[in-house]
Amino acid sequence: MPGRKNANPPISVYFTREERQEVQELADLAGISRGSFIQYGIRYFVAEYKKNKKVLKVENIQVAAKPE
């Protein structure tokens, strides 16, 4: 339907080639799609964070440069 907005639009997650391969292999082992595996992983991570209320230590994050 033209002009209709998705209530839950998708978001992008960027992985290195090696990370993408690892995620695909794990998704294949689980018998689900790569997208479903990523959704499950994010939901699991958020639930564990909420349950444990631990501060997240983030290291070595690489951010793509914004186009000028």
PDB file of N, CA and C in Angstrom:
ATOM      1  N   MET A   1       0.842  -1.176   0.000  1.00  0.00           N
ATOM      2  CA  MET A   1       0.000   0.000   0.000  1.00  0.00           C
ATOM      3  C   MET A   1       0.893   1.247   0.000  1.00  0.00           C
ATOM      4  N   PRO A   2       0.834   2.060  -1.024  1.00  0.00           N
ATOM      5  CA  PRO A   2       1.675   3.257  -1.095  1.00  0.00           C
ATOM      6  C   PRO A   2       1.412   4.214   0.066  1.00  0.00           C
ATOM      7  N   GLY A   3       2.469   4.778   0.599  1.00  0.00           N
ATOM      8  CA  GLY A   3       2.342   5.761   1.663  1.00  0.00           C
ATOM      9  C   GLY A   3       2.168   5.169   3.050  1.00  0.00           C
ATOM     10  N   ARG A   4       2.024   3.856   3.129  1.00  0.00           N
ATOM     11  CA  ARG A   4       1.836   3.224   4.430  1.00  0.00           C
ATOM     12  C   ARG A   4       3.191   3.037   5.103  1.00  0.00           C
ATOM     13  N   LYS A   5       3.282   3.422   6.370  1.00  0.00           N
ATOM     14  CA  LYS A   5       4.540   3.303   7.095  1.00  0.00           C
ATOM     15  C   LYS A   5       4.541   2.024   7.916  1.00  0.00           C
ATOM     16  N   ASN A   6       5.700   1.389   7.967  1.00  0.00           N
ATOM     17  CA  ASN A   6       5.876   0.188   8.764  1.00  0.00           C
ATOM     18  C   ASN A   6       5.984   0.583  10.229  1.00  0.00           C
ATOM     19  N   ALA A   7       5.168  -0.026  11.083  1.00  0.00           N
ATOM     20  CA  ALA A   7       5.197   0.290  12.509  1.00  0.00           C
ATOM     21  C   ALA A   7       6.510  -0.158  13.154  1.00  0.00           C
ATOM     22  N   ASN A   8       7.146  -1.168  12.585  1.00  0.00           N
ATOM     23  CA  ASN A   8       8.410  -1.689  13.103  1.00  0.00           C
ATOM     24  C   ASN A   8       9.427  -1.778  11.967  1.00  0.00           C
ATOM     25  N   PRO A   9       9.957  -0.633  11.550  1.00  0.00           N
ATOM     26  CA  PRO A   9      10.895  -0.665  10.426  1.00  0.00           C
ATOM     27  C   PRO A   9      12.182  -1.392  10.810  1.00  0.00           C
ATOM     28  N   PRO A  10      12.815  -2.076   9.864  1.00  0.00           N
ATOM     29  CA  PRO A  10      14.057  -2.790  10.163  1.00  0.00           C
ATOM     30  C   PRO A  10      15.202  -1.821  10.426  1.00  0.00           C
ATOM     31  N   ILE A  11      16.203  -2.322  11.134  1.00  0.00           N
ATOM     32  CA  ILE A  11      17.420  -1.541  11.364  1.00  0.00           C
ATOM     33  C   ILE A  11      18.587  -2.325  10.784  1.00  0.00           C
ATOM     34  N   SER A  12      19.678  -1.649  10.556  1.00  0.00           N
ATOM     35  CA  SER A  12      20.860  -2.298   9.986  1.00  0.00           C
ATOM     36  C   SER A  12      21.873  -2.616  11.072  1.00  0.00           C
ATOM     37  N   VAL A  13      22.519  -3.745  10.915  1.00  0.00           N
ATOM     38  CA  VAL A  13      23.607  -4.149  11.795  1.00  0.00           C
ATOM     39  C   VAL A  13      24.773  -4.502  10.882  1.00  0.00           C
ATOM     40  N   TYR A  14      25.911  -3.864  11.108  1.00  0.00           N
ATOM     41  CA  TYR A  14      27.065  -4.095  10.257  1.00  0.00           C
ATOM     42  C   TYR A  14      28.035  -5.059  10.915  1.00  0.00           C
ATOM     43  N   PHE A  15      28.468  -6.067  10.165  1.00  0.00           N
ATOM     44  CA  PHE A  15      29.417  -7.055  10.628  1.00  0.00           C
ATOM     45  C   PHE A  15      30.600  -7.108   9.663  1.00  0.00           C
ATOM     46  N   THR A  16      31.734  -7.539  10.183  1.00  0.00           N
ATOM     47  CA  THR A  16      32.847  -7.830   9.287  1.00  0.00           C
ATOM     48  C   THR A  16      32.486  -9.088   8.505  1.00  0.00           C
ATOM     49  N   ARG A  17      33.219  -9.374   7.473  1.00  0.00           N
ATOM     50  CA  ARG A  17      32.976 -10.585   6.683  1.00  0.00           C
ATOM     51  C   ARG A  17      33.075 -11.832   7.571  1.00  0.00           C
ATOM     52  N   GLU A  18      34.059 -11.854   8.460  1.00  0.00           N
ATOM     53  CA  GLU A  18      34.254 -12.996   9.353  1.00  0.00           C
ATOM     54  C   GLU A  18      33.089 -13.137  10.332  1.00  0.00           C
ATOM     55  N   GLU A  19      32.637 -12.008  10.895  1.00  0.00           N
ATOM     56  CA  GLU A  19      31.508 -12.044  11.828  1.00  0.00           C
ATOM     57  C   GLU A  19      30.237 -12.520  11.121  1.00  0.00           C
ATOM     58  N   ARG A  20      30.029 -12.037   9.906  1.00  0.00           N
ATOM     59  CA  ARG A  20      28.854 -12.452   9.141  1.00  0.00           C
ATOM     60  C   ARG A  20      28.868 -13.959   8.900  1.00  0.00           C
ATOM     61  N   GLN A  21      30.046 -14.493   8.573  1.00  0.00           N
ATOM     62  CA  GLN A  21      30.168 -15.929   8.348  1.00  0.00           C
ATOM     63  C   GLN A  21      29.873 -16.712   9.625  1.00  0.00           C
ATOM     64  N   GLU A  22      30.405 -16.231  10.750  1.00  0.00           N
ATOM     65  CA  GLU A  22      30.149 -16.895  12.035  1.00  0.00           C
ATOM     66  C   GLU A  22      28.665 -16.893  12.375  1.00  0.00           C
ATOM     67  N   VAL A  23      28.026 -15.746  12.192  1.00  0.00           N
ATOM     68  CA  VAL A  23      26.591 -15.643  12.470  1.00  0.00           C
ATOM     69  C   VAL A  23      25.813 -16.590  11.555  1.00  0.00           C
ATOM     70  N   GLN A  24      26.183 -16.642  10.292  1.00  0.00           N
ATOM     71  CA  GLN A  24      25.489 -17.524   9.353  1.00  0.00           C
ATOM     72  C   GLN A  24      25.653 -18.986   9.750  1.00  0.00           C
ATOM     73  N   GLU A  25      26.855 -19.365  10.141  1.00  0.00           N
ATOM     74  CA  GLU A  25      27.109 -20.748  10.557  1.00  0.00           C
ATOM     75  C   GLU A  25      26.283 -21.123  11.783  1.00  0.00           C
ATOM     76  N   LEU A  26      26.202 -20.218  12.755  1.00  0.00           N
ATOM     77  CA  LEU A  26      25.400 -20.490  13.949  1.00  0.00           C
ATOM     78  C   LEU A  26      23.910 -20.551  13.619  1.00  0.00           C
ATOM     79  N   ALA A  27      23.460 -19.666  12.745  1.00  0.00           N
ATOM     80  CA  ALA A  27      22.058 -19.695  12.330  1.00  0.00           C
ATOM     81  C   ALA A  27      21.739 -21.005  11.611  1.00  0.00           C
ATOM     82  N   ASP A  28      22.654 -21.450  10.766  1.00  0.00           N
ATOM     83  CA  ASP A  28      22.461 -22.723  10.065  1.00  0.00           C
ATOM     84  C   ASP A  28      22.369 -23.878  11.054  1.00  0.00           C
ATOM     85  N   LEU A  29      23.238 -23.868  12.064  1.00  0.00           N
ATOM     86  CA  LEU A  29      23.197 -24.916  13.089  1.00  0.00           C
ATOM     87  C   LEU A  29      21.866 -24.920  13.839  1.00  0.00           C
ATOM     88  N   ALA A  30      21.331 -23.717  14.069  1.00  0.00           N
ATOM     89  CA  ALA A  30      20.055 -23.595  14.781  1.00  0.00           C
ATOM     90  C   ALA A  30      18.867 -23.861  13.864  1.00  0.00           C
ATOM     91  N   GLY A  31      19.118 -23.905  12.555  1.00  0.00           N
ATOM     92  CA  GLY A  31      18.038 -24.149  11.601  1.00  0.00           C
ATOM     93  C   GLY A  31      17.116 -22.962  11.394  1.00  0.00           C
ATOM     94  N   ILE A  32      17.677 -21.748  11.570  1.00  0.00           N
ATOM     95  CA  ILE A  32      16.887 -20.530  11.383  1.00  0.00           C
ATOM     96  C   ILE A  32      17.639 -19.573  10.463  1.00  0.00           C
ATOM     97  N   SER A  33      16.951 -18.533  10.028  1.00  0.00           N
ATOM     98  CA  SER A  33      17.590 -17.550   9.146  1.00  0.00           C
ATOM     99  C   SER A  33      18.575 -16.697   9.942  1.00  0.00           C
ATOM    100  N   ARG A  34      19.487 -16.075   9.214  1.00  0.00           N
ATOM    101  CA  ARG A  34      20.461 -15.187   9.855  1.00  0.00           C
ATOM    102  C   ARG A  34      19.747 -14.042  10.576  1.00  0.00           C
ATOM    103  N   GLY A  35      18.726 -13.478   9.960  1.00  0.00           N
ATOM    104  CA  GLY A  35      17.982 -12.388  10.590  1.00  0.00           C
ATOM    105  C   GLY A  35      17.303 -12.819  11.882  1.00  0.00           C
ATOM    106  N   SER A  36      16.713 -14.010  11.862  1.00  0.00           N
ATOM    107  CA  SER A  36      16.068 -14.529  13.074  1.00  0.00           C
ATOM    108  C   SER A  36      17.091 -14.769  14.172  1.00  0.00           C
ATOM    109  N   PHE A  37      18.269 -15.255  13.786  1.00  0.00           N
ATOM    110  CA  PHE A  37      19.327 -15.494  14.757  1.00  0.00           C
ATOM    111  C   PHE A  37      19.769 -14.183  15.401  1.00  0.00           C
ATOM    112  N   ILE A  38      19.930 -13.143  14.586  1.00  0.00           N
ATOM    113  CA  ILE A  38      20.336 -11.836  15.112  1.00  0.00           C
ATOM    114  C   ILE A  38      19.256 -11.278  16.033  1.00  0.00           C
ATOM    115  N   GLN A  39      17.985 -11.395  15.635  1.00  0.00           N
ATOM    116  CA  GLN A  39      16.882 -10.935  16.492  1.00  0.00           C
ATOM    117  C   GLN A  39      16.915 -11.648  17.834  1.00  0.00           C
ATOM    118  N   TYR A  40      17.071 -12.965  17.796  1.00  0.00           N
ATOM    119  CA  TYR A  40      17.121 -13.737  19.030  1.00  0.00           C
ATOM    120  C   TYR A  40      18.284 -13.267  19.902  1.00  0.00           C
ATOM    121  N   GLY A  41      19.450 -13.092  19.290  1.00  0.00           N
ATOM    122  CA  GLY A  41      20.626 -12.668  20.043  1.00  0.00           C
ATOM    123  C   GLY A  41      20.434 -11.323  20.719  1.00  0.00           C
ATOM    124  N   ILE A  42      19.869 -10.378  20.019  1.00  0.00           N
ATOM    125  CA  ILE A  42      19.633  -9.050  20.591  1.00  0.00           C
ATOM    126  C   ILE A  42      18.617  -9.142  21.729  1.00  0.00           C
ATOM    127  N   ARG A  43      17.530  -9.859  21.497  1.00  0.00           N
ATOM    128  CA  ARG A  43      16.499 -10.002  22.543  1.00  0.00           C
ATOM    129  C   ARG A  43      17.060 -10.695  23.782  1.00  0.00           C
ATOM    130  N   TYR A  44      17.865 -11.729  23.573  1.00  0.00           N
ATOM    131  CA  TYR A  44      18.474 -12.437  24.692  1.00  0.00           C
ATOM    132  C   TYR A  44      19.404 -11.511  25.463  1.00  0.00           C
ATOM    133  N   PHE A  45      20.234 -10.775  24.752  1.00  0.00           N
ATOM    134  CA  PHE A  45      21.179  -9.857  25.376  1.00  0.00           C
ATOM    135  C   PHE A  45      20.448  -8.806  26.210  1.00  0.00           C
ATOM    136  N   VAL A  46      19.400  -8.209  25.656  1.00  0.00           N
ATOM    137  CA  VAL A  46      18.636  -7.177  26.367  1.00  0.00           C
ATOM    138  C   VAL A  46      17.973  -7.769  27.606  1.00  0.00           C
ATOM    139  N   ALA A  47      17.398  -8.964  27.486  1.00  0.00           N
ATOM    140  CA  ALA A  47      16.749  -9.608  28.641  1.00  0.00           C
ATOM    141  C   ALA A  47      17.761  -9.890  29.743  1.00  0.00           C
ATOM    142  N   GLU A  48      18.947 -10.387  29.374  1.00  0.00           N
ATOM    143  CA  GLU A  48      19.988 -10.662  30.366  1.00  0.00           C
ATOM    144  C   GLU A  48      20.469  -9.376  31.026  1.00  0.00           C
ATOM    145  N   TYR A  49      20.599  -8.328  30.246  1.00  0.00           N
ATOM    146  CA  TYR A  49      21.020  -7.042  30.796  1.00  0.00           C
ATOM    147  C   TYR A  49      19.989  -6.539  31.799  1.00  0.00           C
ATOM    148  N   LYS A  50      18.713  -6.602  31.433  1.00  0.00           N
ATOM    149  CA  LYS A  50      17.650  -6.136  32.334  1.00  0.00           C
ATOM    150  C   LYS A  50      17.622  -6.968  33.616  1.00  0.00           C
ATOM    151  N   LYS A  51      17.844  -8.254  33.493  1.00  0.00           N
ATOM    152  CA  LYS A  51      17.804  -9.152  34.639  1.00  0.00           C
ATOM    153  C   LYS A  51      18.980  -8.908  35.580  1.00  0.00           C
ATOM    154  N   ASN A  52      20.164  -8.706  35.036  1.00  0.00           N
ATOM    155  CA  ASN A  52      21.372  -8.580  35.846  1.00  0.00           C
ATOM    156  C   ASN A  52      21.748  -7.146  36.188  1.00  0.00           C
ATOM    157  N   LYS A  53      21.239  -6.192  35.427  1.00  0.00           N
ATOM    158  CA  LYS A  53      21.518  -4.770  35.645  1.00  0.00           C
ATOM    159  C   LYS A  53      23.008  -4.480  35.745  1.00  0.00           C
ATOM    160  N   LYS A  54      23.799  -5.166  34.931  1.00  0.00           N
ATOM    161  CA  LYS A  54      25.237  -4.948  34.934  1.00  0.00           C
ATOM    162  C   LYS A  54      25.597  -3.838  33.947  1.00  0.00           C
ATOM    163  N   VAL A  55      26.614  -3.089  34.292  1.00  0.00           N
ATOM    164  CA  VAL A  55      27.108  -2.051  33.398  1.00  0.00           C
ATOM    165  C   VAL A  55      27.841  -2.741  32.253  1.00  0.00           C
ATOM    166  N   LEU A  56      27.572  -2.306  31.055  1.00  0.00           N
ATOM    167  CA  LEU A  56      28.204  -2.899  29.888  1.00  0.00           C
ATOM    168  C   LEU A  56      29.552  -2.238  29.642  1.00  0.00           C
ATOM    169  N   LYS A  57      30.566  -3.057  29.482  1.00  0.00           N
ATOM    170  CA  LYS A  57      31.888  -2.548  29.146  1.00  0.00           C
ATOM    171  C   LYS A  57      32.068  -2.737  27.647  1.00  0.00           C
ATOM    172  N   VAL A  58      32.238  -1.654  26.940  1.00  0.00           N
ATOM    173  CA  VAL A  58      32.357  -1.703  25.491  1.00  0.00           C
ATOM    174  C   VAL A  58      33.780  -1.319  25.108  1.00  0.00           C
ATOM    175  N   GLU A  59      34.412  -2.188  24.321  1.00  0.00           N
ATOM    176  CA  GLU A  59      35.779  -1.945  23.893  1.00  0.00           C
ATOM    177  C   GLU A  59      35.906  -2.131  22.389  1.00  0.00           C
ATOM    178  N   ASN A  60      36.866  -1.453  21.825  1.00  0.00           N
ATOM    179  CA  ASN A  60      37.236  -1.642  20.427  1.00  0.00           C
ATOM    180  C   ASN A  60      36.071  -1.512  19.449  1.00  0.00           C
ATOM    181  N   ILE A  61      35.299  -0.486  19.594  1.00  0.00           N
ATOM    182  CA  ILE A  61      34.195  -0.268  18.668  1.00  0.00           C
ATOM    183  C   ILE A  61      34.703   0.533  17.480  1.00  0.00           C
ATOM    184  N   GLN A  62      34.396   0.041  16.283  1.00  0.00           N
ATOM    185  CA  GLN A  62      34.754   0.744  15.068  1.00  0.00           C
ATOM    186  C   GLN A  62      33.473   1.320  14.469  1.00  0.00           C
ATOM    187  N   VAL A  63      33.478   2.597  14.226  1.00  0.00           N
ATOM    188  CA  VAL A  63      32.306   3.259  13.674  1.00  0.00           C
ATOM    189  C   VAL A  63      32.644   3.743  12.273  1.00  0.00           C
ATOM    190  N   ALA A  64      31.767   3.441  11.336  1.00  0.00           N
ATOM    191  CA  ALA A  64      31.986   3.896   9.969  1.00  0.00           C
ATOM    192  C   ALA A  64      31.885   5.418   9.923  1.00  0.00           C
ATOM    193  N   ALA A  65      32.741   6.032   9.149  1.00  0.00           N
ATOM    194  CA  ALA A  65      32.725   7.488   9.009  1.00  0.00           C
ATOM    195  C   ALA A  65      31.462   7.939   8.302  1.00  0.00           C
ATOM    196  N   LYS A  66      30.926   9.047   8.748  1.00  0.00           N
ATOM    197  CA  LYS A  66      29.741   9.616   8.095  1.00  0.00           C
ATOM    198  C   LYS A  66      30.162  10.249   6.773  1.00  0.00           C
ATOM    199  N   PRO A  67      29.352  10.057   5.739  1.00  0.00           N
ATOM    200  CA  PRO A  67      29.683  10.706   4.458  1.00  0.00           C
ATOM    201  C   PRO A  67      29.584  12.210   4.589  1.00  0.00           C
ATOM    202  N   GLU A  68      30.476  12.901   3.915  1.00  0.00           N
ATOM    203  CA  GLU A  68      30.474  14.378   3.982  1.00  0.00           C
ATOM    204  C   GLU A  68      29.688  14.992   2.877  1.00  0.00           C
TER     205      GLU A  68
END
